[in-house]
Amino acid sequence: MREIVTLQFGNYANHAMTHLWNSHDHATSLYYLSPGISKLPRESVPEYLRHLPSYLDWDPDVLFREGQDPATGQETYTPRTVVFDTRDGFGGLSETGGLYGGARKAGGGGSLTNSGDGDDSSNATWEGGKVDVFQSQPWPRSDYLRDLDDENLPSGENRGTHDLSTSVVTWSDYSRVFYHPRTAVVIPPRLQHMESESISPFPTFTSGLDCFSNESAFVETFMDNQIRFFAEECDSMQGFLTVTDTDDGWGAFSKGVLDMIRDEFGEKCTIVTAGLSRVDIGAEAATDETADDGNDPYDDDDNTETPTPRAQKGKAVQRVGQKGNEAHTAGSSSPKTAKPTLETSRARLNIALSLHYLSSSSSLYLPICVPGPDDVSQAEGWSRFLATNLSTPYKSSSLPAAIIDTVTMSSRMRDASAVCHLDDLSASLRIIESCRVAGVAGALPFPVYVDEPTDYSRGVDVTPRTNVSALEQALGQCFGRLGASDSGKATPVSSSSATHQARSLLWDFTLSSNPYIPTELQAHLAQLGRKVPGPRIFHPFAHHLTVRGLPPSSYLPTYSASSASNMMRLWSRPRDVGRSRVNLARGPLLLPDSFPNLFSSKVLRDGTILKSSSAHAGAGVRPESTPSLTSLFVGSSLTPFFAASLRVTEPLMPTSKERNATLIGDFLGSAGGTSGGGREVGVGMEDVLEIREAMQAAAENYAELI
């Protein structure tokens, strides 16, 4: 077992990781706590859990750590993580994370919202007068957590339900786990650049850099007391898994932390970073320069499959997020579309700068854009089995949580032949050493169709729920190829509507739109004899494919794990088979009661999908688990992502038609990279030119991977 230290930056990233920690805590409770599944005869396992494997094929100790309460001697089990957020972001989480004598959620003086900023005002004195102490009200404890800790309530499926979608204020309101006392790092109020109605302390990349660069004492404290503590207690550390917000200044702050880790642990230290955003960087509103002249810059000539139609002109894509939907409205490629708001432009610049700096500081960088309401409203699209519009951070963050959990599954496998550590994962996808970005695609749920719900009372002797043809159908719908020839090779589908329906089950979380490609980049690529790759059926140069939660072999007697892996390679068709990898995990994604019910009534309790549209006794029951599929991929399809990032930096260029004085002041500083007091902040114009040059080079390099 090789440990991973997790770093979490920002409120939205903490929402996502709370879902992940809750799922892992739920798994260890089901399998190892009395009467754990792994300790019971199969016939003694509760009926509603009998669809799960009899053992966990992944090791929870990779991300969790064992400890001991020094006062009571009681064993503890907590995430090996360091969490960065504001006081309000932490909500009612106690200073000790709920361990060592503190409640899981503080209702009094132990909460982070009541802790001092390095000063003890209770001992303050004032000559000749009285000192008035003003203290914030304790954070109210959620009903969900109160019931969770009530030992008099039943456990499992009989516990009462809570509508967390309307009651959650921040991620600690539904966090099921205890945290180690050294987990929390609170950003002091004096360092925050807060805006009204925003929970982010850093609205821009510049403000994040400003905090990190000018507070060395604060930085050294959490490096010594938190990060170094968790890293040094590991026996054989794989590396760091970083999850950060990128549509505000947290990307800059996390970049500073990663650079210090590089200095501390060396260049060979593996760092895999997932950058989360709720703004689609590619859906850039256009000017007259981007008018549709009838010349499609995208190249689909080499596609044997029918490509997905381009996004409708003038259609705005609403994104969930801060200060209402308008702040996260992504434009289209129509010149008639309104320009993005200032906040949206800021967010896109934050994402672009985070892409450049975090990919340079990481071994592998994974940009993940959360789908917006329009993206999950497709009746026959990738979200056909989802039943929510992801309207709150509590709901929407569950999708990146499931994706991150699945893409890192191979680093936690117990079987030595199945494990792929973070360093191997990073190396396999760095086709070009300077290009450390991988796209992220996923299907949730992975579509395993059944004719009728499983009768759990029959245990392992049930009628086979699926077979090879059903697995091929699922893979075909994910990868856009619905049929197979007699020889077993994939056969393309000519119908555009059928292809679109099939392809859309695999959603690209890197770039959901089809952005305008800057004219200068088109011309430059044309000089090099290349065209920008257009929207196409998923066809990676190389990828790291993970499928978890397939029915056990007793349900699929006609294929083995090795033949299933070969089948997945056949259907996904990577160009470079040597660098590609297929990972299979028996255990599905477990969904605790804190996980939002994202799924439609056709998704059954074990995550399989009911074929019939007619009502059934087993339909409409909240899923306990779900199969999932993810792909980390590299290839020419990443070129539009870098082109979009290049595009959004235009307002910073002094000669650009889109030059924006407000954004220049926000990101470049009031004196070309310095604050009014002469401090160096943000990025300078030379940095912007270097960033744009690097993005153009990356777009060209990825265009070669075809």
Foldseek 3Di string as FASTA:
>chain_A
DAAAEEEEFEQLSLLLVLQLQVLLVVQCCQAPNVVHLLNDDLLPRPLLCLQFDSDFQFFSCNQWPWDAQPVPRDIFIAGNYAYEFALVQLFQQFLFQCPNPRHVGDQDCRGSQFDDPPDDCVPDDDPPDDDDDDTDHHGDAAPQVVQLPPPVADDDPRGDADDCVPVDDGNSNLRPGGHGSLRYQHDDPVLFPDDPQDRHSFAFLFSLLVSQVPCVVSLVVNVVRRVCVSVVVTPHHLAYEYEYEQLGNSLNNVLSVLVVVCVVVHPLGAYEYEYEYQAFLFLFADAPVLACPVDDLADPPPAPADFADADDAFDWFFTADTPDRLLRIRHHSHNVHDGRDPSSLRSSLSNLVSVLSVLVSHLAYEYFHFHAQVLLPDCLFLNVFFDDRQRDSSARSNVVSQQVCFLQRLCGGPDPVRHQGSSLQSVLFCPDNSDRYWWKKKAVFQAQEFAADWSSSVRLPTAQGHEPLSLQCSLCLCQQFRDADPVGATDHDHDNVSSRSSNRNIATRLHRHFHRFDPVLSVVCVVVVFTQHGGGGQEFQAKEKEKEQDRDCSSYVPDDPVVSQVSNCRSNVHNDPVSHYYHYTNGFRFRDSSHDQGGAQQQFQCAYGHPDPDDDPRTPDRHRGGMMMMMTGAASNCLSSLSSSLVSLQLCDPPHPNPDPVVVCSALNPPQQAHPVGHGTHDGPVVSVVSSVSSSVNSSVRSPSD
